Protein backbone atom coordinates (compact mmCIF):
# COMPACT_ATOMS: atom_id res chain seq x y z
CA MET A 1 0.00 0.00 0.00
CA ARG A 2 1.14 3.52 -0.73
CA PRO A 3 1.71 5.70 2.35
CA THR A 4 -0.89 8.32 3.19
CA ALA A 5 0.01 12.00 3.10
CA ARG A 6 0.38 12.11 6.89
CA GLU A 7 2.94 9.30 6.65
CA ALA A 8 4.69 10.54 3.53
CA ILE A 9 5.36 14.11 4.69
CA PRO A 10 7.52 13.23 7.74
CA ALA A 11 9.18 10.40 5.80
CA ARG A 12 10.24 12.81 3.06
CA LEU A 13 11.44 15.41 5.55
CA GLU A 14 13.63 12.76 7.17
CA GLN A 15 15.46 12.37 3.84
CA VAL A 16 16.18 16.08 3.24
CA GLU A 17 19.93 16.14 3.88
CA ALA A 18 20.10 19.85 3.03
CA LEU A 19 18.60 20.55 6.46
CA ASP A 20 21.81 19.25 8.04
CA VAL A 21 23.68 22.31 6.79
CA VAL A 22 21.71 24.40 9.28
CA ALA A 23 21.01 21.73 11.88
CA GLU A 24 24.63 20.78 12.59
CA PRO A 25 25.96 24.23 13.57
CA LEU A 26 22.70 25.07 15.36
CA GLN A 27 22.98 21.94 17.49
CA ARG A 28 26.57 22.80 18.38
CA GLY A 29 25.43 26.25 19.44
CA VAL A 30 22.60 24.91 21.58
CA ARG A 31 24.89 22.38 23.27
CA ALA A 32 27.40 25.12 24.01
CA ALA A 33 24.67 27.32 25.52
CA VAL A 34 22.99 24.45 27.39
CA PRO A 35 25.70 21.88 28.21
CA TYR A 36 24.91 18.33 29.28
CA GLU A 37 25.05 17.82 33.06
CA SER A 38 24.33 21.53 33.65
CA GLN A 39 21.57 22.81 35.91
CA LEU A 40 20.07 24.74 33.01
CA LYS A 41 19.80 21.50 31.01
CA ASP A 42 17.91 19.86 33.87
CA VAL A 43 15.53 22.83 34.11
CA LEU A 44 14.77 22.92 30.38
CA SER A 45 14.49 19.13 30.16
CA GLY A 46 11.91 19.00 32.95
CA THR A 47 13.89 16.76 35.31
CA TRP A 48 12.41 18.70 38.24
CA LEU A 49 8.89 18.27 36.82
CA GLY A 50 8.99 14.51 36.31
CA HIS A 51 8.29 14.71 32.56
CA PRO A 52 9.52 16.85 29.63
CA LEU A 53 8.92 20.59 30.04
CA HIS A 54 8.39 21.47 26.37
CA PRO A 55 4.96 19.81 25.80
CA PRO A 56 3.03 21.59 28.61
CA LEU A 57 4.56 24.92 27.63
CA THR A 58 3.28 24.48 24.08
CA ASP A 59 -0.24 24.22 25.51
CA VAL A 60 0.09 27.77 26.85
CA VAL A 61 1.23 29.13 23.50
CA VAL A 62 -1.24 27.27 21.30
CA GLY A 63 -4.06 27.83 23.80
CA ALA A 64 -3.47 31.58 23.86
CA TRP A 65 -3.31 31.89 20.07
CA THR A 66 -6.33 29.63 19.58
CA SER A 67 -8.39 31.70 22.03
CA ALA A 68 -7.27 34.92 20.36
CA LEU A 69 -8.31 33.67 16.91
CA VAL A 70 -11.71 32.54 18.20
CA LEU A 71 -12.30 35.97 19.76
CA ASP A 72 -11.16 37.68 16.56
CA LEU A 73 -13.63 35.68 14.50
CA LEU A 74 -16.58 35.46 16.88
CA GLY A 75 -16.11 37.90 19.72
CA GLY A 76 -16.93 41.19 18.04
CA ALA A 77 -15.71 44.61 19.09
CA ASP A 78 -16.05 43.87 22.82
CA ALA A 79 -13.49 41.05 22.57
CA GLU A 80 -10.78 42.95 20.69
CA THR A 81 -8.75 43.92 23.76
CA ALA A 82 -8.82 40.36 25.12
CA ALA A 83 -7.78 38.95 21.74
CA ASP A 84 -4.87 41.38 21.52
CA ARG A 85 -3.66 40.45 24.99
CA LEU A 86 -3.88 36.75 24.25
CA VAL A 87 -1.70 37.17 21.16
CA GLY A 88 0.86 38.92 23.38
CA VAL A 89 0.65 36.18 26.02
CA GLY A 90 1.36 33.56 23.34
CA VAL A 91 4.35 35.51 22.04
CA VAL A 92 5.87 35.85 25.52
CA ALA A 93 5.20 32.19 26.41
CA ALA A 94 6.77 31.06 23.12
CA VAL A 95 10.23 32.15 24.29
CA PRO A 96 10.72 29.61 27.14
CA THR A 97 8.81 27.05 25.07
CA ALA A 98 11.31 27.42 22.24
CA ALA A 99 14.24 27.22 24.68
CA ALA A 100 12.97 23.93 26.12
CA GLY A 101 12.27 22.56 22.65
CA LEU A 102 15.72 23.44 21.34
CA SER A 103 17.33 21.81 24.37
CA ASP A 104 15.48 18.57 23.62
CA TRP A 105 16.13 18.80 19.87
CA ALA A 106 19.89 19.18 20.41
CA GLU A 107 20.00 15.48 21.39
CA LEU A 108 18.44 14.15 18.16
CA ARG A 109 20.17 12.59 15.16
CA GLY A 110 19.39 11.63 11.58
CA GLY A 111 15.83 11.81 10.32
CA ARG A 112 14.37 12.83 13.65
CA ARG A 113 16.73 15.77 13.80
CA ARG A 114 15.58 16.90 10.34
CA VAL A 115 11.90 16.67 11.21
CA GLY A 116 12.64 18.50 14.45
CA MET A 117 14.43 21.19 12.46
CA VAL A 118 11.34 21.82 10.34
CA HIS A 119 9.23 21.78 13.50
CA ALA A 120 11.49 24.46 15.01
CA LEU A 121 11.45 26.56 11.84
CA GLY A 122 7.65 26.37 11.78
CA ASN A 123 7.40 27.46 15.39
CA SER A 124 9.82 30.33 14.79
CA THR A 125 7.81 31.47 11.78
CA ALA A 126 4.59 31.33 13.79
CA LEU A 127 6.23 33.35 16.55
CA VAL A 128 7.37 36.05 14.13
CA LEU A 129 3.94 36.25 12.50
CA ASN A 130 2.20 36.61 15.85
CA ALA A 131 4.73 39.18 17.05
CA LEU A 132 4.03 41.19 13.89
CA SER A 133 0.31 40.71 14.51
CA TRP A 134 0.61 42.12 18.00
CA THR A 135 2.57 45.11 16.67
CA ALA A 136 -0.10 45.77 14.03
CA ARG A 137 -2.85 45.52 16.64
CA MET A 138 -1.09 48.01 18.91
CA ARG A 139 -0.92 50.42 15.96
CA GLY A 140 -4.64 50.05 15.35
CA ASP A 141 -4.36 48.02 12.15
CA ARG A 142 -6.65 45.19 13.26
CA ARG A 143 -7.32 43.78 9.82
CA ARG A 144 -3.62 43.23 9.25
CA GLY A 145 -3.18 41.98 12.79
CA VAL A 146 -5.92 39.38 12.48
CA ALA A 147 -4.61 38.22 9.10
CA LEU A 148 -1.11 37.76 10.53
CA SER A 149 -2.53 35.86 13.52
CA ALA A 150 -4.48 33.54 11.24
CA ALA A 151 -1.38 32.86 9.13
CA GLY A 152 0.69 32.25 12.24
CA TYR A 153 -1.93 29.88 13.60
CA ALA A 154 -1.92 27.87 10.39
CA VAL A 155 1.87 27.52 10.51
CA ALA A 156 1.80 26.68 14.24
CA SER A 157 -0.83 23.98 13.61
CA PHE A 158 1.33 22.24 11.02
CA SER A 159 4.37 22.54 13.26
CA ALA A 160 2.41 21.10 16.19
CA TRP A 161 1.42 18.15 14.00
CA LEU A 162 5.10 17.48 13.28
CA GLY A 163 5.79 17.72 16.99
CA GLY A 164 3.12 15.11 17.61
CA HIS A 165 4.77 12.87 15.02
CA LEU A 166 8.11 13.19 16.82
CA SER A 167 6.56 12.34 20.18
CA PHE A 168 4.06 9.65 19.30
CA GLY A 169 5.48 8.35 16.03
CA GLN A 170 9.20 8.52 16.83
CA GLY A 171 9.13 8.31 20.63
CA VAL A 172 11.02 11.56 21.26
CA GLY A 173 10.47 12.70 24.85
CA VAL A 174 8.67 9.57 26.04
CA ASN A 175 9.94 7.24 28.76
CA GLN A 176 12.06 4.77 26.79
CA ALA A 177 11.93 2.21 29.61
CA ALA A 178 8.18 2.36 30.20
CA PHE A 179 7.48 -1.02 28.62
CA GLU A 180 10.49 -2.94 29.91
CA GLU A 181 9.32 -6.02 31.81
CA VAL A 182 10.81 -9.08 33.47
CA PRO A 183 9.03 -12.23 34.70
CA ASP A 184 7.04 -12.22 37.95
CA SER A 185 8.92 -15.30 39.17
CA TRP A 186 12.63 -15.61 39.88
CA THR A 187 14.49 -16.13 36.58
CA VAL A 188 18.17 -16.93 36.08
CA VAL A 189 20.11 -14.18 34.32
CA LEU A 190 23.74 -15.32 34.58
CA ASP A 191 26.21 -17.20 36.77
CA GLU A 192 27.44 -15.49 39.93
CA ALA A 193 31.02 -15.57 38.61
CA GLN A 194 29.95 -13.34 35.72
CA LEU A 195 29.01 -10.51 38.10
CA PRO A 196 32.19 -9.00 39.59
CA GLU A 197 32.01 -6.65 42.53
CA GLY A 198 31.43 -2.98 41.66
CA GLU A 199 31.06 -3.34 37.88
CA LEU A 200 28.20 -2.56 35.50
CA VAL A 201 27.10 -5.77 33.82
CA GLY A 202 24.50 -6.03 31.08
CA ALA A 203 22.37 -9.14 30.63
CA ARG A 204 19.05 -10.20 29.13
CA VAL A 205 16.06 -11.97 30.57
CA ASP A 206 13.14 -12.96 28.35
CA GLY A 207 14.25 -10.39 25.78
CA THR A 208 14.55 -7.51 28.27
CA ALA A 209 17.94 -5.85 28.78
CA VAL A 210 18.89 -5.74 32.46
CA LEU A 211 21.66 -3.86 34.24
CA LEU A 212 23.23 -5.62 37.22
CA VAL A 213 25.52 -4.21 39.93
CA ARG A 214 26.95 -6.20 42.83
CA ARG A 215 27.68 -4.47 46.13
CA GLY A 216 28.91 -6.99 48.68
CA ALA A 217 26.07 -9.39 49.38
CA ASP A 218 23.55 -7.18 47.57
CA VAL A 219 22.72 -7.28 43.87
CA HIS A 220 20.95 -4.34 42.25
CA ALA A 221 19.02 -4.71 39.01
CA LEU A 222 17.60 -1.99 36.77
CA ALA A 223 16.31 -1.76 33.23
CA ASP A 224 19.41 -1.34 31.07
CA ARG A 225 17.62 0.86 28.53
CA CYS A 226 17.96 4.49 29.71
CA SER A 227 14.57 6.12 30.22
CA HIS A 228 15.80 9.28 28.49
CA ARG A 229 16.90 8.18 25.01
CA GLY A 230 17.28 4.41 25.32
CA CYS A 231 21.07 4.12 25.59
CA ALA A 232 22.63 1.09 27.30
CA LEU A 233 23.39 2.02 30.91
CA HIS A 234 25.85 -0.84 31.39
CA GLU A 235 28.18 1.07 29.05
CA GLY A 236 28.07 4.06 31.40
CA THR A 237 29.97 4.93 34.56
CA LEU A 238 29.49 3.71 38.14
CA ARG A 239 30.42 6.31 40.74
CA GLY A 240 29.65 5.27 44.28
CA ASP A 241 25.95 4.38 44.29
CA THR A 242 25.10 6.21 41.06
CA ILE A 243 25.15 5.27 37.39
CA THR A 244 25.74 7.85 34.67
CA CYS A 245 24.43 7.20 31.16
CA PRO A 246 27.13 7.29 28.46
CA CYS A 247 25.01 9.24 25.97
CA HIS A 248 23.63 12.38 27.62
CA GLY A 249 24.86 12.18 31.20
CA SER A 250 21.61 11.27 32.98
CA THR A 251 22.46 9.94 36.44
CA PHE A 252 20.47 7.41 38.48
CA ARG A 253 20.84 5.87 41.91
CA LEU A 254 21.02 2.11 42.23
CA ASP A 255 17.34 2.14 43.20
CA GLY A 256 16.49 3.79 39.86
CA THR A 257 15.68 7.30 41.09
CA VAL A 258 16.89 10.24 39.01
CA VAL A 259 19.81 12.20 40.45
CA LYS A 260 20.48 14.41 37.41
CA GLY A 261 18.84 14.88 34.04
CA PRO A 262 18.16 15.29 31.27
CA ALA A 263 16.20 12.14 32.15
CA THR A 264 12.82 12.88 33.70
CA SER A 265 11.65 9.32 34.50
CA PRO A 266 13.28 6.87 36.92
CA GLN A 267 14.72 3.56 35.79
CA PRO A 268 12.50 0.51 36.37
CA ARG A 269 13.93 -1.47 39.28
CA TYR A 270 13.83 -5.25 39.67
CA ASP A 271 14.32 -7.62 42.58
CA ALA A 272 17.64 -9.49 42.36
CA ARG A 273 19.37 -12.22 44.35
CA VAL A 274 22.11 -14.85 44.18
CA GLU A 275 20.78 -18.38 44.58
CA SER A 276 22.91 -21.54 44.27
CA GLY A 277 25.66 -19.68 42.42
CA ARG A 278 23.34 -18.02 39.92
CA VAL A 279 21.98 -14.48 39.68
CA GLU A 280 18.20 -14.28 39.44
CA VAL A 281 15.81 -11.37 38.90
CA ARG A 282 12.07 -10.85 38.96
CA ARG A 283 9.49 -8.09 38.89
CA PRO A 284 9.42 -6.34 42.30
CA ALA A 285 7.07 -8.08 44.69
CA ASN A 286 5.44 -4.71 45.47
CA GLY A 287 4.79 -4.09 41.76
CA GLY A 288 7.25 -1.18 41.56
C-alpha cells in the first residue's frame, strides 16, 4: 500500500539532507549554551517536573493563540482587547517554550533531527507572524493583525502536528523504559562468577535488557535501557551508588531514582538475588 500523506510528509522530511547544513551548527550552538550535566539542562528538560517541560509549555502558546483567533472571528468589538492580549501572552510564552524545545532537539540525530528542524522553523515562523500581529494591533491596524494571527496559527498547527509525530510516532520525549518487563517469578540471568564486585554488567532476561551491579552481598538490578533516550546504561559509569548514562549524562541511583537529568523518568527497578551460584531477577514483589 502507498503511504498516506500524513505518513509521507515526515518520511520525506527525514530524507532532506540539506537541512543538516543548518542543523549541525545550530545543534553545536545549543549544546554550548545548554551543556549536558548543567543545571540549566535539567531545568529545560523537565527533570524537576517529572516529565519533559516542552509539551506543557506548548499548551500555553497554542491555547493563547487559539483563544485569540476565536475571539477575533466570533467575539466582536467587545473582545478585541482580550484577543490582543492573548496574542501577546502567546508571544511571551513562546520564548521559554522554544528554549525547552531546542534543548530537547539538540539530542536528536538523523531523520528525527531533520523533522525537528522543520518543527522548530515552523514554530519560529509562527512566533514572528504573531509578534508582527501584536505590533499591528497596537498600531490600530486590526485587519492586518488578524490576518497575521491567522497565518501564524496555520503555521503553528502544522508545526504542532510534526511535533506530535516526533513524540508519538518517533518516541522523542517519552519514557524509553516504560514497557520494559521481566518475569514475575525468579528467573536466572547469569552465573554469579559473571558478576564482579562494583562493575556494571549487562544481561538479558526474556528479551529484556537488564543492568546488574553487585555491592557486597547485595545485587541491584535496573532496566538497562535508559529512560531518556534508550542508551545502554551498562556502558556508562558507576560512581559510588550512582550510574551515569554514556550518551547524555543522565544519572540514576542504584534504586532507579533520578539524580540528574536530562532524564525525567526513573529507571525501572527489579528484585535481584544470588541463589545456588546463579543471579536471578524478577518483577518487584510490590509491583514497583
